[in-house]
mmCIF file of all heavy atoms, coordinates in Angstrom:
data_MODEL
# 
_entry.id   MODEL 
# 
loop_
_atom_site.group_PDB 
_atom_site.id 
_atom_site.type_symbol 
_atom_site.label_atom_id 
_atom_site.label_alt_id 
_atom_site.label_comp_id 
_atom_site.label_asym_id 
_atom_site.label_entity_id 
_atom_site.label_seq_id 
_atom_site.pdbx_PDB_ins_code 
_atom_site.Cartn_x 
_atom_site.Cartn_y 
_atom_site.Cartn_z 
_atom_site.occupancy 
_atom_site.B_iso_or_equiv 
_atom_site.pdbx_formal_charge 
_atom_site.auth_seq_id 
_atom_site.auth_comp_id 
_atom_site.auth_asym_id 
_atom_site.auth_atom_id 
_atom_site.pdbx_PDB_model_num 
ATOM 1   N N   . GLN A 1 1  ? -8.647  2.306   25.672 1.00 0.00 ? 1  GLN A N   1 
ATOM 2   C CA  . GLN A 1 1  ? -8.136  3.058   24.528 1.00 0.00 ? 1  GLN A CA  1 
ATOM 3   C C   . GLN A 1 1  ? -8.757  2.649   23.200 1.00 0.00 ? 1  GLN A C   1 
ATOM 4   O O   . GLN A 1 1  ? -8.502  3.294   22.178 1.00 0.00 ? 1  GLN A O   1 
ATOM 5   C CB  . GLN A 1 1  ? -6.624  2.884   24.416 1.00 0.00 ? 1  GLN A CB  1 
ATOM 6   C CG  . GLN A 1 1  ? -5.839  3.415   25.603 1.00 0.00 ? 1  GLN A CG  1 
ATOM 7   C CD  . GLN A 1 1  ? -4.357  3.379   25.326 1.00 0.00 ? 1  GLN A CD  1 
ATOM 8   O OE1 . GLN A 1 1  ? -3.801  4.258   24.648 1.00 0.00 ? 1  GLN A OE1 1 
ATOM 9   N NE2 . GLN A 1 1  ? -3.702  2.360   25.833 1.00 0.00 ? 1  GLN A NE2 1 
ATOM 10  N N   . LYS A 1 2  ? -9.576  1.581   23.206 1.00 0.00 ? 2  LYS A N   1 
ATOM 11  C CA  . LYS A 1 2  ? -10.112 1.070   21.950 1.00 0.00 ? 2  LYS A CA  1 
ATOM 12  C C   . LYS A 1 2  ? -11.635 1.047   21.988 1.00 0.00 ? 2  LYS A C   1 
ATOM 13  O O   . LYS A 1 2  ? -12.246 0.891   23.049 1.00 0.00 ? 2  LYS A O   1 
ATOM 14  C CB  . LYS A 1 2  ? -9.585  -0.347  21.689 1.00 0.00 ? 2  LYS A CB  1 
ATOM 15  C CG  . LYS A 1 2  ? -8.070  -0.405  21.485 1.00 0.00 ? 2  LYS A CG  1 
ATOM 16  C CD  . LYS A 1 2  ? -7.612  -1.812  21.141 1.00 0.00 ? 2  LYS A CD  1 
ATOM 17  C CE  . LYS A 1 2  ? -6.113  -1.844  20.883 1.00 0.00 ? 2  LYS A CE  1 
ATOM 18  N NZ  . LYS A 1 2  ? -5.645  -3.192  20.489 1.00 0.00 ? 2  LYS A NZ  1 
ATOM 19  N N   . CYS A 1 3  ? -12.221 1.192   20.809 1.00 0.00 ? 3  CYS A N   1 
ATOM 20  C CA  . CYS A 1 3  ? -13.675 1.145   20.702 1.00 0.00 ? 3  CYS A CA  1 
ATOM 21  C C   . CYS A 1 3  ? -14.048 0.441   19.410 1.00 0.00 ? 3  CYS A C   1 
ATOM 22  O O   . CYS A 1 3  ? -13.452 0.702   18.348 1.00 0.00 ? 3  CYS A O   1 
ATOM 23  C CB  . CYS A 1 3  ? -14.266 2.553   20.723 1.00 0.00 ? 3  CYS A CB  1 
ATOM 24  S SG  . CYS A 1 3  ? -16.070 2.572   20.910 1.00 0.00 ? 3  CYS A SG  1 
ATOM 25  N N   . LEU A 1 4  ? -15.042 -0.434  19.487 1.00 0.00 ? 4  LEU A N   1 
ATOM 26  C CA  . LEU A 1 4  ? -15.491 -1.226  18.343 1.00 0.00 ? 4  LEU A CA  1 
ATOM 27  C C   . LEU A 1 4  ? -16.875 -0.763  17.908 1.00 0.00 ? 4  LEU A C   1 
ATOM 28  O O   . LEU A 1 4  ? -17.766 -0.546  18.740 1.00 0.00 ? 4  LEU A O   1 
ATOM 29  C CB  . LEU A 1 4  ? -15.539 -2.709  18.728 1.00 0.00 ? 4  LEU A CB  1 
ATOM 30  C CG  . LEU A 1 4  ? -15.796 -3.695  17.588 1.00 0.00 ? 4  LEU A CG  1 
ATOM 31  C CD1 . LEU A 1 4  ? -14.621 -3.712  16.614 1.00 0.00 ? 4  LEU A CD1 1 
ATOM 32  C CD2 . LEU A 1 4  ? -16.033 -5.100  18.141 1.00 0.00 ? 4  LEU A CD2 1 
ATOM 33  N N   . PHE A 1 5  ? -17.049 -0.645  16.603 1.00 0.00 ? 5  PHE A N   1 
ATOM 34  C CA  . PHE A 1 5  ? -18.332 -0.266  16.015 1.00 0.00 ? 5  PHE A CA  1 
ATOM 35  C C   . PHE A 1 5  ? -18.849 -1.408  15.148 1.00 0.00 ? 5  PHE A C   1 
ATOM 36  O O   . PHE A 1 5  ? -18.385 -1.582  14.012 1.00 0.00 ? 5  PHE A O   1 
ATOM 37  C CB  . PHE A 1 5  ? -18.180 0.998   15.154 1.00 0.00 ? 5  PHE A CB  1 
ATOM 38  C CG  . PHE A 1 5  ? -18.031 2.264   15.941 1.00 0.00 ? 5  PHE A CG  1 
ATOM 39  C CD1 . PHE A 1 5  ? -16.817 2.585   16.531 1.00 0.00 ? 5  PHE A CD1 1 
ATOM 40  C CD2 . PHE A 1 5  ? -19.100 3.125   16.110 1.00 0.00 ? 5  PHE A CD2 1 
ATOM 41  C CE1 . PHE A 1 5  ? -16.671 3.747   17.262 1.00 0.00 ? 5  PHE A CE1 1 
ATOM 42  C CE2 . PHE A 1 5  ? -18.965 4.294   16.841 1.00 0.00 ? 5  PHE A CE2 1 
ATOM 43  C CZ  . PHE A 1 5  ? -17.750 4.610   17.426 1.00 0.00 ? 5  PHE A CZ  1 
ATOM 44  N N   . PRO A 1 6  ? -19.767 -2.225  15.659 1.00 0.00 ? 6  PRO A N   1 
ATOM 45  C CA  . PRO A 1 6  ? -20.412 -3.225  14.792 1.00 0.00 ? 6  PRO A CA  1 
ATOM 46  C C   . PRO A 1 6  ? -21.332 -2.490  13.816 1.00 0.00 ? 6  PRO A C   1 
ATOM 47  O O   . PRO A 1 6  ? -22.273 -1.821  14.223 1.00 0.00 ? 6  PRO A O   1 
ATOM 48  C CB  . PRO A 1 6  ? -21.207 -4.089  15.782 1.00 0.00 ? 6  PRO A CB  1 
ATOM 49  C CG  . PRO A 1 6  ? -20.644 -3.765  17.141 1.00 0.00 ? 6  PRO A CG  1 
ATOM 50  C CD  . PRO A 1 6  ? -20.212 -2.343  17.052 1.00 0.00 ? 6  PRO A CD  1 
ATOM 51  N N   . ALA A 1 7  ? -21.045 -2.613  12.524 1.00 0.00 ? 7  ALA A N   1 
ATOM 52  C CA  . ALA A 1 7  ? -21.779 -1.816  11.534 1.00 0.00 ? 7  ALA A CA  1 
ATOM 53  C C   . ALA A 1 7  ? -22.010 -2.619  10.262 1.00 0.00 ? 7  ALA A C   1 
ATOM 54  O O   . ALA A 1 7  ? -21.821 -2.120  9.156  1.00 0.00 ? 7  ALA A O   1 
ATOM 55  C CB  . ALA A 1 7  ? -21.002 -0.536  11.221 1.00 0.00 ? 7  ALA A CB  1 
ATOM 56  N N   . ALA A 1 8  ? -22.432 -3.868  10.438 1.00 0.00 ? 8  ALA A N   1 
ATOM 57  C CA  . ALA A 1 8  ? -22.608 -4.732  9.265  1.00 0.00 ? 8  ALA A CA  1 
ATOM 58  C C   . ALA A 1 8  ? -24.068 -4.992  8.925  1.00 0.00 ? 8  ALA A C   1 
ATOM 59  O O   . ALA A 1 8  ? -24.361 -5.652  7.935  1.00 0.00 ? 8  ALA A O   1 
ATOM 60  C CB  . ALA A 1 8  ? -21.888 -6.070  9.492  1.00 0.00 ? 8  ALA A CB  1 
ATOM 61  N N   . GLY A 1 9  ? -25.005 -4.472  9.740  1.00 0.00 ? 9  GLY A N   1 
ATOM 62  C CA  . GLY A 1 9  ? -26.416 -4.784  9.535  1.00 0.00 ? 9  GLY A CA  1 
ATOM 63  C C   . GLY A 1 9  ? -26.982 -4.170  8.268  1.00 0.00 ? 9  GLY A C   1 
ATOM 64  O O   . GLY A 1 9  ? -26.412 -3.250  7.674  1.00 0.00 ? 9  GLY A O   1 
ATOM 65  N N   . TYR A 1 10 ? -28.139 -4.646  7.866  1.00 0.00 ? 10 TYR A N   1 
ATOM 66  C CA  . TYR A 1 10 ? -28.745 -4.227  6.607  1.00 0.00 ? 10 TYR A CA  1 
ATOM 67  C C   . TYR A 1 10 ? -29.554 -2.930  6.719  1.00 0.00 ? 10 TYR A C   1 
ATOM 68  O O   . TYR A 1 10 ? -29.848 -2.296  5.719  1.00 0.00 ? 10 TYR A O   1 
ATOM 69  C CB  . TYR A 1 10 ? -29.664 -5.335  6.078  1.00 0.00 ? 10 TYR A CB  1 
ATOM 70  C CG  . TYR A 1 10 ? -28.930 -6.581  5.652  1.00 0.00 ? 10 TYR A CG  1 
ATOM 71  C CD1 . TYR A 1 10 ? -29.250 -7.817  6.205  1.00 0.00 ? 10 TYR A CD1 1 
ATOM 72  C CD2 . TYR A 1 10 ? -27.927 -6.524  4.691  1.00 0.00 ? 10 TYR A CD2 1 
ATOM 73  C CE1 . TYR A 1 10 ? -28.583 -8.965  5.821  1.00 0.00 ? 10 TYR A CE1 1 
ATOM 74  C CE2 . TYR A 1 10 ? -27.255 -7.665  4.301  1.00 0.00 ? 10 TYR A CE2 1 
ATOM 75  C CZ  . TYR A 1 10 ? -27.583 -8.886  4.860  1.00 0.00 ? 10 TYR A CZ  1 
ATOM 76  O OH  . TYR A 1 10 ? -26.914 -10.015 4.473  1.00 0.00 ? 10 TYR A OH  1 
ATOM 77  N N   . GLY A 1 11 ? -29.971 -2.550  7.912  1.00 0.00 ? 11 GLY A N   1 
ATOM 78  C CA  . GLY A 1 11 ? -30.774 -1.340  8.062  1.00 0.00 ? 11 GLY A CA  1 
ATOM 79  C C   . GLY A 1 11 ? -32.122 -1.431  7.368  1.00 0.00 ? 11 GLY A C   1 
ATOM 80  O O   . GLY A 1 11 ? -32.585 -0.484  6.734  1.00 0.00 ? 11 GLY A O   1 
ATOM 81  N N   . THR A 1 12 ? -32.782 -2.571  7.531  1.00 0.00 ? 12 THR A N   1 
ATOM 82  C CA  . THR A 1 12 ? -34.016 -2.826  6.767  1.00 0.00 ? 12 THR A CA  1 
ATOM 83  C C   . THR A 1 12 ? -35.148 -1.874  7.121  1.00 0.00 ? 12 THR A C   1 
ATOM 84  O O   . THR A 1 12 ? -36.030 -1.635  6.294  1.00 0.00 ? 12 THR A O   1 
ATOM 85  C CB  . THR A 1 12 ? -34.484 -4.274  6.990  1.00 0.00 ? 12 THR A CB  1 
ATOM 86  O OG1 . THR A 1 12 ? -34.548 -4.545  8.399  1.00 0.00 ? 12 THR A OG1 1 
ATOM 87  C CG2 . THR A 1 12 ? -33.519 -5.257  6.337  1.00 0.00 ? 12 THR A CG2 1 
ATOM 88  N N   . ARG A 1 13 ? -35.134 -1.291  8.326  1.00 0.00 ? 13 ARG A N   1 
ATOM 89  C CA  . ARG A 1 13 ? -36.219 -0.376  8.707  1.00 0.00 ? 13 ARG A CA  1 
ATOM 90  C C   . ARG A 1 13 ? -36.159 0.937   7.936  1.00 0.00 ? 13 ARG A C   1 
ATOM 91  O O   . ARG A 1 13 ? -37.093 1.729   7.992  1.00 0.00 ? 13 ARG A O   1 
ATOM 92  C CB  . ARG A 1 13 ? -36.200 -0.126  10.216 1.00 0.00 ? 13 ARG A CB  1 
ATOM 93  C CG  . ARG A 1 13 ? -36.702 -1.309  11.033 1.00 0.00 ? 13 ARG A CG  1 
ATOM 94  C CD  . ARG A 1 13 ? -36.817 -0.974  12.505 1.00 0.00 ? 13 ARG A CD  1 
ATOM 95  N NE  . ARG A 1 13 ? -35.508 -0.857  13.147 1.00 0.00 ? 13 ARG A NE  1 
ATOM 96  C CZ  . ARG A 1 13 ? -35.343 -0.518  14.428 1.00 0.00 ? 13 ARG A CZ  1 
ATOM 97  N NH1 . ARG A 1 13 ? -36.396 -0.239  15.172 1.00 0.00 ? 13 ARG A NH1 1 
ATOM 98  N NH2 . ARG A 1 13 ? -34.128 -0.443  14.948 1.00 0.00 ? 13 ARG A NH2 1 
ATOM 99  N N   . PHE A 1 14 ? -35.044 1.168   7.229  1.00 0.00 ? 14 PHE A N   1 
ATOM 100 C CA  . PHE A 1 14 ? -34.914 2.397   6.453  1.00 0.00 ? 14 PHE A CA  1 
ATOM 101 C C   . PHE A 1 14 ? -34.898 2.153   4.948  1.00 0.00 ? 14 PHE A C   1 
ATOM 102 O O   . PHE A 1 14 ? -34.510 3.044   4.183  1.00 0.00 ? 14 PHE A O   1 
ATOM 103 C CB  . PHE A 1 14 ? -33.654 3.162   6.873  1.00 0.00 ? 14 PHE A CB  1 
ATOM 104 C CG  . PHE A 1 14 ? -33.883 4.067   8.042  1.00 0.00 ? 14 PHE A CG  1 
ATOM 105 C CD1 . PHE A 1 14 ? -33.712 3.601   9.334  1.00 0.00 ? 14 PHE A CD1 1 
ATOM 106 C CD2 . PHE A 1 14 ? -34.305 5.370   7.862  1.00 0.00 ? 14 PHE A CD2 1 
ATOM 107 C CE1 . PHE A 1 14 ? -33.946 4.420   10.419 1.00 0.00 ? 14 PHE A CE1 1 
ATOM 108 C CE2 . PHE A 1 14 ? -34.536 6.205   8.935  1.00 0.00 ? 14 PHE A CE2 1 
ATOM 109 C CZ  . PHE A 1 14 ? -34.365 5.734   10.220 1.00 0.00 ? 14 PHE A CZ  1 
ATOM 110 N N   . LEU A 1 15 ? -35.309 0.977   4.523  1.00 0.00 ? 15 LEU A N   1 
ATOM 111 C CA  . LEU A 1 15 ? -35.444 0.747   3.087  1.00 0.00 ? 15 LEU A CA  1 
ATOM 112 C C   . LEU A 1 15 ? -36.514 1.675   2.515  1.00 0.00 ? 15 LEU A C   1 
ATOM 113 O O   . LEU A 1 15 ? -37.504 1.967   3.196  1.00 0.00 ? 15 LEU A O   1 
ATOM 114 C CB  . LEU A 1 15 ? -35.818 -0.714  2.822  1.00 0.00 ? 15 LEU A CB  1 
ATOM 115 C CG  . LEU A 1 15 ? -34.705 -1.732  3.030  1.00 0.00 ? 15 LEU A CG  1 
ATOM 116 C CD1 . LEU A 1 15 ? -35.252 -3.142  2.964  1.00 0.00 ? 15 LEU A CD1 1 
ATOM 117 C CD2 . LEU A 1 15 ? -33.595 -1.544  1.999  1.00 0.00 ? 15 LEU A CD2 1 
ATOM 118 N N   . PRO A 1 16 ? -36.339 2.177   1.295  1.00 0.00 ? 16 PRO A N   1 
ATOM 119 C CA  . PRO A 1 16 ? -35.255 1.866   0.357  1.00 0.00 ? 16 PRO A CA  1 
ATOM 120 C C   . PRO A 1 16 ? -33.999 2.712   0.521  1.00 0.00 ? 16 PRO A C   1 
ATOM 121 O O   . PRO A 1 16 ? -33.040 2.535   -0.218 1.00 0.00 ? 16 PRO A O   1 
ATOM 122 C CB  . PRO A 1 16 ? -35.902 2.144   -0.999 1.00 0.00 ? 16 PRO A CB  1 
ATOM 123 C CG  . PRO A 1 16 ? -36.851 3.264   -0.708 1.00 0.00 ? 16 PRO A CG  1 
ATOM 124 C CD  . PRO A 1 16 ? -37.385 3.004   0.664  1.00 0.00 ? 16 PRO A CD  1 
ATOM 125 N N   . ALA A 1 17 ? -33.969 3.646   1.492  1.00 0.00 ? 17 ALA A N   1 
ATOM 126 C CA  . ALA A 1 17 ? -32.812 4.531   1.631  1.00 0.00 ? 17 ALA A CA  1 
ATOM 127 C C   . ALA A 1 17 ? -31.514 3.762   1.865  1.00 0.00 ? 17 ALA A C   1 
ATOM 128 O O   . ALA A 1 17 ? -30.440 4.203   1.452  1.00 0.00 ? 17 ALA A O   1 
ATOM 129 C CB  . ALA A 1 17 ? -33.044 5.524   2.767  1.00 0.00 ? 17 ALA A CB  1 
ATOM 130 N N   . THR A 1 18 ? -31.613 2.596   2.545  1.00 0.00 ? 18 THR A N   1 
ATOM 131 C CA  . THR A 1 18 ? -30.418 1.831   2.889  1.00 0.00 ? 18 THR A CA  1 
ATOM 132 C C   . THR A 1 18 ? -30.154 0.673   1.928  1.00 0.00 ? 18 THR A C   1 
ATOM 133 O O   . THR A 1 18 ? -29.343 -0.196  2.226  1.00 0.00 ? 18 THR A O   1 
ATOM 134 C CB  . THR A 1 18 ? -30.546 1.287   4.322  1.00 0.00 ? 18 THR A CB  1 
ATOM 135 O OG1 . THR A 1 18 ? -31.823 0.634   4.468  1.00 0.00 ? 18 THR A OG1 1 
ATOM 136 C CG2 . THR A 1 18 ? -30.452 2.410   5.336  1.00 0.00 ? 18 THR A CG2 1 
ATOM 137 N N   . LYS A 1 19 ? -30.820 0.681   0.787  1.00 0.00 ? 19 LYS A N   1 
ATOM 138 C CA  . LYS A 1 19 ? -30.602 -0.401  -0.188 1.00 0.00 ? 19 LYS A CA  1 
ATOM 139 C C   . LYS A 1 19 ? -29.159 -0.417  -0.687 1.00 0.00 ? 19 LYS A C   1 
ATOM 140 O O   . LYS A 1 19 ? -28.575 -1.481  -0.896 1.00 0.00 ? 19 LYS A O   1 
ATOM 141 C CB  . LYS A 1 19 ? -31.571 -0.248  -1.362 1.00 0.00 ? 19 LYS A CB  1 
ATOM 142 C CG  . LYS A 1 19 ? -31.461 -1.361  -2.408 1.00 0.00 ? 19 LYS A CG  1 
ATOM 143 C CD  . LYS A 1 19 ? -32.552 -1.208  -3.453 1.00 0.00 ? 19 LYS A CD  1 
ATOM 144 C CE  . LYS A 1 19 ? -32.459 -2.329  -4.489 1.00 0.00 ? 19 LYS A CE  1 
ATOM 145 N NZ  . LYS A 1 19 ? -31.289 -2.158  -5.381 1.00 0.00 ? 19 LYS A NZ  1 
ATOM 146 N N   . ALA A 1 20 ? -28.577 0.760   -0.878 1.00 0.00 ? 20 ALA A N   1 
ATOM 147 C CA  . ALA A 1 20 ? -27.222 0.833   -1.426 1.00 0.00 ? 20 ALA A CA  1 
ATOM 148 C C   . ALA A 1 20 ? -26.273 1.643   -0.555 1.00 0.00 ? 20 ALA A C   1 
ATOM 149 O O   . ALA A 1 20 ? -25.144 1.898   -0.952 1.00 0.00 ? 20 ALA A O   1 
ATOM 150 C CB  . ALA A 1 20 ? -27.262 1.433   -2.837 1.00 0.00 ? 20 ALA A CB  1 
ATOM 151 N N   . GLN A 1 21 ? -26.720 2.066   0.627  1.00 0.00 ? 21 GLN A N   1 
ATOM 152 C CA  . GLN A 1 21 ? -25.814 2.791   1.516  1.00 0.00 ? 21 GLN A CA  1 
ATOM 153 C C   . GLN A 1 21 ? -25.996 2.313   2.943  1.00 0.00 ? 21 GLN A C   1 
ATOM 154 O O   . GLN A 1 21 ? -27.049 1.788   3.309  1.00 0.00 ? 21 GLN A O   1 
ATOM 155 C CB  . GLN A 1 21 ? -26.051 4.307   1.437  1.00 0.00 ? 21 GLN A CB  1 
ATOM 156 C CG  . GLN A 1 21 ? -27.340 4.770   2.092  1.00 0.00 ? 21 GLN A CG  1 
ATOM 157 C CD  . GLN A 1 21 ? -27.373 6.273   2.327  1.00 0.00 ? 21 GLN A CD  1 
ATOM 158 O OE1 . GLN A 1 21 ? -26.341 6.898   2.547  1.00 0.00 ? 21 GLN A OE1 1 
ATOM 159 N NE2 . GLN A 1 21 ? -28.563 6.861   2.272  1.00 0.00 ? 21 GLN A NE2 1 
ATOM 160 N N   . ALA A 1 22 ? -24.959 2.490   3.730  1.00 0.00 ? 22 ALA A N   1 
ATOM 161 C CA  . ALA A 1 22 ? -24.983 2.053   5.126  1.00 0.00 ? 22 ALA A CA  1 
ATOM 162 C C   . ALA A 1 22 ? -25.928 2.929   5.949  1.00 0.00 ? 22 ALA A C   1 
ATOM 163 O O   . ALA A 1 22 ? -25.913 4.154   5.813  1.00 0.00 ? 22 ALA A O   1 
ATOM 164 C CB  . ALA A 1 22 ? -23.577 2.122   5.708  1.00 0.00 ? 22 ALA A CB  1 
ATOM 165 N N   . LYS A 1 23 ? -26.728 2.300   6.822  1.00 0.00 ? 23 LYS A N   1 
ATOM 166 C CA  . LYS A 1 23 ? -27.610 3.102   7.684  1.00 0.00 ? 23 LYS A CA  1 
ATOM 167 C C   . LYS A 1 23 ? -26.790 4.009   8.596  1.00 0.00 ? 23 LYS A C   1 
ATOM 168 O O   . LYS A 1 23 ? -27.241 5.090   8.991  1.00 0.00 ? 23 LYS A O   1 
ATOM 169 C CB  . LYS A 1 23 ? -28.516 2.198   8.520  1.00 0.00 ? 23 LYS A CB  1 
ATOM 170 C CG  . LYS A 1 23 ? -27.783 1.340   9.549  1.00 0.00 ? 23 LYS A CG  1 
ATOM 171 C CD  . LYS A 1 23 ? -28.734 0.534   10.411 1.00 0.00 ? 23 LYS A CD  1 
ATOM 172 C CE  . LYS A 1 23 ? -27.981 -0.337  11.418 1.00 0.00 ? 23 LYS A CE  1 
ATOM 173 N NZ  . LYS A 1 23 ? -28.879 -1.093  12.299 1.00 0.00 ? 23 LYS A NZ  1 
ATOM 174 N N   . GLU A 1 24 ? -25.560 3.569   8.925  1.00 0.00 ? 24 GLU A N   1 
ATOM 175 C CA  . GLU A 1 24 ? -24.703 4.371   9.799  1.00 0.00 ? 24 GLU A CA  1 
ATOM 176 C C   . GLU A 1 24 ? -24.259 5.673   9.138  1.00 0.00 ? 24 GLU A C   1 
ATOM 177 O O   . GLU A 1 24 ? -23.763 6.579   9.811  1.00 0.00 ? 24 GLU A O   1 
ATOM 178 C CB  . GLU A 1 24 ? -23.466 3.572   10.211 1.00 0.00 ? 24 GLU A CB  1 
ATOM 179 C CG  . GLU A 1 24 ? -23.755 2.369   11.089 1.00 0.00 ? 24 GLU A CG  1 
ATOM 180 C CD  . GLU A 1 24 ? -24.196 1.131   10.307 1.00 0.00 ? 24 GLU A CD  1 
ATOM 181 O OE1 . GLU A 1 24 ? -24.144 1.153   9.052  1.00 0.00 ? 24 GLU A OE1 1 
ATOM 182 O OE2 . GLU A 1 24 ? -24.584 0.139   10.948 1.00 0.00 ? 24 GLU A OE2 1 
# 
């Protein structure tokens, strides 16, 4: 019934788009 989303990474492969927003 439960699902976990690890979503704390920096998303460096999408810089600069992910500099101030989550890659997710």
